[in-house]
Amino acid sequence: MNQWISDYVRAQKTALDSIPADGVAQLVGKLRAAWKEDRQIFVFGNGGSAANASHFATDLGKGASDKVGKSFRVLSLNDNVSWMTALGNDYAYDEVFVRQLRNYGKAGDLVLTMSVSGNSPNLVKALEWAKQNGLHSVALVGAKRGRLAEIAEQVIVVNDTHYGRVEDAHMGICHMACYAFMEQPELTK
């Protein structure tokens, strides 16, 4: 067991080392622009990425907003279970995010999605809609990249295919993006 744990930690460090600093800095710049322009930020994913989306929205909407003195307008599209299940039931599961974006999204807003595979149909459909309607988009993906890497304006790739390691690295990226504002509030000047 100790060897398995040591191997896992070593692989996790390698995944973390694959995070591109310039990509995270670019994401921080997009968040800064959305904040300055009072744009809406939408974040969403499936499974562990859904949990990461909720966590990110909390950290950006509360933690970072508290430090910079003006709120980030951030919304996790995973957090309205009754709406998601109504959309999935009445239409299809691949409609649960795009139909929310159709209600809220406007040109110039920012969409951030996370997916290890990069191929989840509901995420792909939402990013295609965002692109067609002038929303900016960022996709955090794993090494397979998938269709999201072809659609998103910005792609941040964690060079691993293990779901746990990639989701952990994605949360690390989200934490860096939020803590950039919490620990360097001068970014908003």
Protein backbone atom coordinates (compact mmCIF):
# COMPACT_ATOMS: atom_id res chain seq x y z
CA MET A 1 0.00 0.00 0.00
CA ASN A 2 2.80 2.43 0.87
CA GLN A 3 4.36 1.94 -2.56
CA TRP A 4 1.01 2.52 -4.30
CA ILE A 5 0.54 5.74 -2.31
CA SER A 6 4.07 6.92 -3.13
CA ASP A 7 3.50 6.16 -6.83
CA TYR A 8 0.17 7.98 -6.77
CA VAL A 9 1.71 11.06 -5.15
CA ARG A 10 4.56 11.02 -7.69
CA ALA A 11 2.06 10.85 -10.57
CA GLN A 12 0.02 13.66 -8.97
CA LYS A 13 3.12 15.86 -8.80
CA THR A 14 3.78 15.17 -12.48
CA ALA A 15 0.20 16.16 -13.34
CA LEU A 16 0.54 19.37 -11.32
CA ASP A 17 3.87 20.13 -13.00
CA SER A 18 2.09 19.99 -16.38
CA ILE A 19 -0.11 23.00 -15.50
CA PRO A 20 0.99 25.82 -17.81
CA ALA A 21 1.68 28.97 -15.78
CA ASP A 22 1.01 31.17 -18.80
CA GLY A 23 -2.36 29.48 -19.32
CA VAL A 24 -3.39 30.13 -15.71
CA ALA A 25 -2.19 33.75 -16.03
CA GLN A 26 -4.32 34.10 -19.17
CA LEU A 27 -7.33 32.71 -17.28
CA VAL A 28 -6.75 35.24 -14.48
CA GLY A 29 -6.69 37.95 -17.16
CA LYS A 30 -10.02 36.77 -18.56
CA LEU A 31 -11.55 36.75 -15.07
CA ARG A 32 -10.13 40.24 -14.44
CA ALA A 33 -11.66 41.52 -17.70
CA ALA A 34 -15.04 39.94 -16.83
CA TRP A 35 -14.89 41.57 -13.39
CA LYS A 36 -13.98 45.00 -14.81
CA GLU A 37 -16.70 44.82 -17.49
CA ASP A 38 -19.30 43.47 -15.04
CA ARG A 39 -19.74 40.35 -17.17
CA GLN A 40 -21.34 37.12 -16.03
CA ILE A 41 -19.05 34.13 -15.51
CA PHE A 42 -20.62 30.69 -15.99
CA VAL A 43 -18.86 27.55 -14.79
CA PHE A 44 -19.96 23.92 -15.13
CA GLY A 45 -18.90 20.30 -15.48
CA ASN A 46 -19.99 16.72 -14.81
CA GLY A 47 -19.27 14.49 -11.82
CA GLY A 48 -16.14 15.59 -9.98
CA SER A 49 -15.89 18.54 -12.36
CA ALA A 50 -19.38 19.61 -11.26
CA ALA A 51 -18.15 19.67 -7.67
CA ASN A 52 -15.11 21.66 -8.80
CA ALA A 53 -17.39 24.12 -10.61
CA SER A 54 -19.43 24.70 -7.46
CA HIS A 55 -16.29 25.09 -5.37
CA PHE A 56 -14.79 27.54 -7.86
CA ALA A 57 -17.97 29.65 -7.97
CA THR A 58 -17.93 29.84 -4.17
CA ASP A 59 -14.26 30.83 -3.97
CA LEU A 60 -14.53 33.43 -6.73
CA GLY A 61 -17.95 34.75 -5.73
CA LYS A 62 -17.22 35.01 -2.03
CA GLY A 63 -13.50 34.78 -1.27
CA ALA A 64 -12.09 36.75 -4.20
CA SER A 65 -15.01 39.18 -4.25
CA ASP A 66 -14.49 39.97 -0.55
CA LYS A 67 -10.87 40.91 -1.21
CA VAL A 68 -11.38 43.10 -4.29
CA GLY A 69 -14.39 45.03 -3.00
CA LYS A 70 -16.66 44.37 -5.97
CA SER A 71 -18.35 41.07 -6.65
CA PHE A 72 -17.47 38.67 -9.42
CA ARG A 73 -20.77 37.76 -11.09
CA VAL A 74 -20.19 34.01 -11.13
CA LEU A 75 -22.73 31.22 -11.39
CA SER A 76 -22.23 27.45 -11.34
CA LEU A 77 -24.75 25.94 -13.73
CA ASN A 78 -24.53 22.72 -11.68
CA ASP A 79 -26.15 24.20 -8.61
CA ASN A 80 -29.86 24.27 -9.54
CA VAL A 81 -30.78 20.58 -9.33
CA SER A 82 -34.48 21.06 -10.04
CA TRP A 83 -33.75 23.04 -13.21
CA MET A 84 -31.07 20.59 -14.39
CA THR A 85 -33.33 17.59 -13.86
CA ALA A 86 -36.29 19.30 -15.55
CA LEU A 87 -34.13 20.08 -18.59
CA GLY A 88 -32.68 16.57 -18.64
CA ASN A 89 -36.10 14.99 -18.27
CA ASP A 90 -38.04 17.18 -20.68
CA TYR A 91 -35.35 17.53 -23.36
CA ALA A 92 -32.14 15.51 -22.98
CA TYR A 93 -29.14 15.43 -20.67
CA ASP A 94 -26.99 17.08 -23.33
CA GLU A 95 -29.27 20.15 -23.00
CA VAL A 96 -28.83 20.81 -19.25
CA PHE A 97 -26.16 23.51 -19.64
CA VAL A 98 -26.92 25.02 -23.04
CA ARG A 99 -30.53 25.73 -22.10
CA GLN A 100 -29.41 27.56 -18.97
CA LEU A 101 -26.92 29.57 -21.01
CA ARG A 102 -29.69 30.47 -23.44
CA ASN A 103 -31.59 32.02 -20.52
CA TYR A 104 -28.65 33.91 -19.01
CA GLY A 105 -25.73 34.21 -21.43
CA LYS A 106 -24.91 37.34 -23.38
CA ALA A 107 -22.14 38.21 -25.80
CA GLY A 108 -19.00 39.13 -23.88
CA ASP A 109 -19.77 36.88 -20.90
CA LEU A 110 -17.28 34.17 -19.91
CA VAL A 111 -17.87 30.41 -19.89
CA LEU A 112 -15.50 28.08 -18.03
CA THR A 113 -15.96 24.32 -18.24
CA MET A 114 -13.95 21.42 -16.89
CA SER A 115 -13.76 17.90 -18.30
CA VAL A 116 -11.14 15.17 -18.06
CA SER A 117 -12.15 13.64 -21.40
CA GLY A 118 -13.06 16.89 -23.14
CA ASN A 119 -15.88 15.10 -24.95
CA SER A 120 -18.96 15.31 -22.71
CA PRO A 121 -21.86 16.03 -25.08
CA ASN A 122 -23.56 18.49 -22.70
CA LEU A 123 -20.34 20.51 -22.34
CA VAL A 124 -19.60 20.43 -26.06
CA LYS A 125 -23.11 21.63 -26.87
CA ALA A 126 -22.86 24.48 -24.35
CA LEU A 127 -19.48 25.64 -25.68
CA GLU A 128 -20.68 25.48 -29.27
CA TRP A 129 -23.63 27.72 -28.32
CA ALA A 130 -21.31 30.08 -26.43
CA LYS A 131 -19.02 30.38 -29.45
CA GLN A 132 -21.94 31.04 -31.82
CA ASN A 133 -23.29 33.74 -29.50
CA GLY A 134 -20.13 35.70 -28.74
CA LEU A 135 -19.31 34.43 -25.25
CA HIS A 136 -15.66 33.90 -24.32
CA SER A 137 -14.75 30.35 -23.38
CA VAL A 138 -12.13 28.46 -21.41
CA ALA A 139 -11.90 24.67 -21.13
CA LEU A 140 -9.84 22.84 -18.52
CA VAL A 141 -9.22 19.34 -19.90
CA GLY A 142 -7.06 16.25 -19.50
CA ALA A 143 -4.44 14.89 -21.89
CA LYS A 144 -6.99 13.51 -24.35
CA ARG A 145 -8.15 17.13 -24.91
CA GLY A 146 -11.29 16.06 -26.78
CA ARG A 147 -13.76 18.18 -28.70
CA LEU A 148 -13.73 20.98 -26.10
CA ALA A 149 -10.11 21.74 -27.02
CA GLU A 150 -11.25 22.37 -30.59
CA ILE A 151 -14.06 24.74 -29.59
CA ALA A 152 -12.83 26.79 -26.62
CA GLU A 153 -10.95 30.06 -27.12
CA GLN A 154 -8.52 29.01 -24.42
CA VAL A 155 -7.63 25.48 -23.38
CA ILE A 156 -5.63 24.52 -20.31
CA VAL A 157 -4.44 20.91 -20.54
CA VAL A 158 -3.38 18.80 -17.57
CA ASN A 159 -1.15 16.15 -19.09
CA ASP A 160 -2.75 13.06 -17.54
CA THR A 161 -5.81 10.91 -18.24
CA HIS A 162 -6.48 9.71 -14.66
CA TYR A 163 -9.76 11.26 -13.55
CA GLY A 164 -8.75 11.84 -9.94
CA ARG A 165 -5.40 13.42 -10.77
CA VAL A 166 -6.81 15.66 -13.50
CA GLU A 167 -9.75 16.79 -11.37
CA ASP A 168 -7.35 17.57 -8.51
CA ALA A 169 -5.16 19.58 -10.87
CA HIS A 170 -8.20 21.42 -12.26
CA MET A 171 -9.18 22.38 -8.72
CA GLY A 172 -5.62 23.60 -8.22
CA ILE A 173 -5.99 25.81 -11.29
CA CYS A 174 -9.29 27.13 -9.94
CA HIS A 175 -7.70 27.85 -6.57
CA MET A 176 -4.80 29.67 -8.22
CA ALA A 177 -7.24 31.79 -10.24
CA CYS A 178 -9.17 32.76 -7.11
CA TYR A 179 -6.19 33.24 -4.83
CA ALA A 180 -4.54 35.47 -7.42
CA PHE A 181 -7.25 38.00 -6.53
CA MET A 182 -7.33 37.16 -2.82
CA GLU A 183 -3.58 37.52 -2.38
CA GLN A 184 -2.98 40.19 -5.03
CA PRO A 185 -6.09 42.42 -4.99
CA GLU A 186 -4.07 45.07 -6.84
CA LEU A 187 -4.81 42.97 -9.97
CA THR A 188 -8.15 44.75 -10.14
CA LYS A 189 -6.68 48.25 -10.31
